[in-house]
Amino acid sequence: MSAAAGAPGLFACQIGKNLGCQVIGIALTAQLQQWVDEGKPHTPFQISQGIENTLVAYRQLLTGDNIGKVLVQLD
């Protein structure tokens, strides 16, 4: 299962394991792979502070410089 650390991929891996299948999940990082191996969904996120950092946060979202969700906290 490619991208197994995402919600659909993790769900598919759990179904396969419950059916007794040999499941091989591929994830982007070692941390995400650990979640796949443990069968624990987790949504990491990154918080940027202030509206002046909105474009930086948006770029990180589009370029893959983050893992998970990108949030901008406005004061």
C-alpha atoms as a PDB file:
ATOM      1  CA  MET A   1       0.000   0.000   0.000  1.00  0.00           C
ATOM      2  CA  SER A   2       1.630   3.226  -1.127  1.00  0.00           C
ATOM      3  CA  ALA A   3       1.109   6.289   1.105  1.00  0.00           C
ATOM      4  CA  ALA A   4      -0.033   3.972   3.879  1.00  0.00           C
ATOM      5  CA  ALA A   5       0.300   6.624   6.596  1.00  0.00           C
ATOM      6  CA  GLY A   6      -2.644   8.610   5.229  1.00  0.00           C
ATOM      7  CA  ALA A   7      -6.114   7.891   6.532  1.00  0.00           C
ATOM      8  CA  PRO A   8      -7.321   5.763   3.562  1.00  0.00           C
ATOM      9  CA  GLY A   9      -4.040   3.865   3.315  1.00  0.00           C
ATOM     10  CA  LEU A  10      -3.886   3.165   7.026  1.00  0.00           C
ATOM     11  CA  PHE A  11      -7.495   1.984   6.961  1.00  0.00           C
ATOM     12  CA  ALA A  12      -6.763  -0.327   4.011  1.00  0.00           C
ATOM     13  CA  CYS A  13      -3.738  -1.781   5.828  1.00  0.00           C
ATOM     14  CA  GLN A  14      -5.828  -2.469   8.933  1.00  0.00           C
ATOM     15  CA  ILE A  15      -8.496  -4.237   6.870  1.00  0.00           C
ATOM     16  CA  GLY A  16      -5.841  -6.380   5.194  1.00  0.00           C
ATOM     17  CA  LYS A  17      -4.267  -7.312   8.527  1.00  0.00           C
ATOM     18  CA  ASN A  18      -7.668  -8.225   9.970  1.00  0.00           C
ATOM     19  CA  LEU A  19      -8.317 -10.501   6.975  1.00  0.00           C
ATOM     20  CA  GLY A  20      -5.016 -12.276   7.577  1.00  0.00           C
ATOM     21  CA  CYS A  21      -3.233 -10.818   4.554  1.00  0.00           C
ATOM     22  CA  GLN A  22       0.430  -9.984   4.458  1.00  0.00           C
ATOM     23  CA  VAL A  23       0.426  -6.186   4.364  1.00  0.00           C
ATOM     24  CA  ILE A  24       3.334  -4.094   3.134  1.00  0.00           C
ATOM     25  CA  GLY A  25       2.834  -0.387   3.748  1.00  0.00           C
ATOM     26  CA  ILE A  26       5.076   2.318   2.307  1.00  0.00           C
ATOM     27  CA  ALA A  27       5.300   5.720   3.999  1.00  0.00           C
ATOM     28  CA  LEU A  28       7.279   8.900   3.352  1.00  0.00           C
ATOM     29  CA  THR A  29       9.295   9.005   6.583  1.00  0.00           C
ATOM     30  CA  ALA A  30      10.439   6.616   9.281  1.00  0.00           C
ATOM     31  CA  GLN A  31       8.050   8.294  11.735  1.00  0.00           C
ATOM     32  CA  LEU A  32       5.068   7.734   9.449  1.00  0.00           C
ATOM     33  CA  GLN A  33       6.212   4.171   8.779  1.00  0.00           C
ATOM     34  CA  GLN A  34       6.191   3.549  12.539  1.00  0.00           C
ATOM     35  CA  TRP A  35       2.547   4.652  12.677  1.00  0.00           C
ATOM     36  CA  VAL A  36       1.720   2.271   9.826  1.00  0.00           C
ATOM     37  CA  ASP A  37       3.487  -0.619  11.547  1.00  0.00           C
ATOM     38  CA  GLU A  38       1.661   0.098  14.814  1.00  0.00           C
ATOM     39  CA  GLY A  39      -1.665   0.685  13.064  1.00  0.00           C
ATOM     40  CA  LYS A  40      -2.149   3.987  14.860  1.00  0.00           C
ATOM     41  CA  PRO A  41      -3.568   6.882  12.873  1.00  0.00           C
ATOM     42  CA  HIS A  42      -2.052  10.238  13.753  1.00  0.00           C
ATOM     43  CA  THR A  43      -2.344  13.610  12.103  1.00  0.00           C
ATOM     44  CA  PRO A  44       0.722  15.740  12.680  1.00  0.00           C
ATOM     45  CA  PHE A  45       0.421  19.472  12.198  1.00  0.00           C
ATOM     46  CA  GLN A  46       2.547  22.565  12.095  1.00  0.00           C
ATOM     47  CA  ILE A  47       1.405  25.950  13.414  1.00  0.00           C
ATOM     48  CA  SER A  48       2.771  29.205  12.006  1.00  0.00           C
ATOM     49  CA  GLN A  49       2.213  32.362  14.029  1.00  0.00           C
ATOM     50  CA  GLY A  50       0.784  35.541  12.501  1.00  0.00           C
ATOM     51  CA  ILE A  51      -0.778  36.559   9.222  1.00  0.00           C
ATOM     52  CA  GLU A  52       2.631  37.659   7.921  1.00  0.00           C
ATOM     53  CA  ASN A  53       3.645  33.965   7.772  1.00  0.00           C
ATOM     54  CA  THR A  54       0.615  32.847   5.760  1.00  0.00           C
ATOM     55  CA  LEU A  55       2.461  32.672   2.429  1.00  0.00           C
ATOM     56  CA  VAL A  56       5.349  30.737   3.976  1.00  0.00           C
ATOM     57  CA  ALA A  57       2.889  28.231   5.475  1.00  0.00           C
ATOM     58  CA  TYR A  58       1.077  27.912   2.141  1.00  0.00           C
ATOM     59  CA  ARG A  59       4.356  27.255   0.319  1.00  0.00           C
ATOM     60  CA  GLN A  60       5.251  24.546   2.846  1.00  0.00           C
ATOM     61  CA  LEU A  61       1.894  22.898   2.216  1.00  0.00           C
ATOM     62  CA  LEU A  62       2.392  22.840  -1.557  1.00  0.00           C
ATOM     63  CA  THR A  63       6.074  21.893  -1.648  1.00  0.00           C
ATOM     64  CA  GLY A  64       6.012  19.109   0.946  1.00  0.00           C
ATOM     65  CA  ASP A  65       8.232  20.964   3.431  1.00  0.00           C
ATOM     66  CA  ASN A  66       5.861  19.820   6.170  1.00  0.00           C
ATOM     67  CA  ILE A  67       4.241  16.601   7.309  1.00  0.00           C
ATOM     68  CA  GLY A  68       0.540  16.777   7.996  1.00  0.00           C
ATOM     69  CA  LYS A  69      -1.627  19.829   8.258  1.00  0.00           C
ATOM     70  CA  VAL A  70      -0.470  23.448   8.133  1.00  0.00           C
ATOM     71  CA  LEU A  71      -2.225  25.929  10.388  1.00  0.00           C
ATOM     72  CA  VAL A  72      -1.793  29.689  10.709  1.00  0.00           C
ATOM     73  CA  GLN A  73      -2.700  31.132  14.089  1.00  0.00           C
ATOM     74  CA  LEU A  74      -3.879  34.722  13.921  1.00  0.00           C
ATOM     75  CA  ASP A  75      -3.421  36.821  17.044  1.00  0.00           C
END
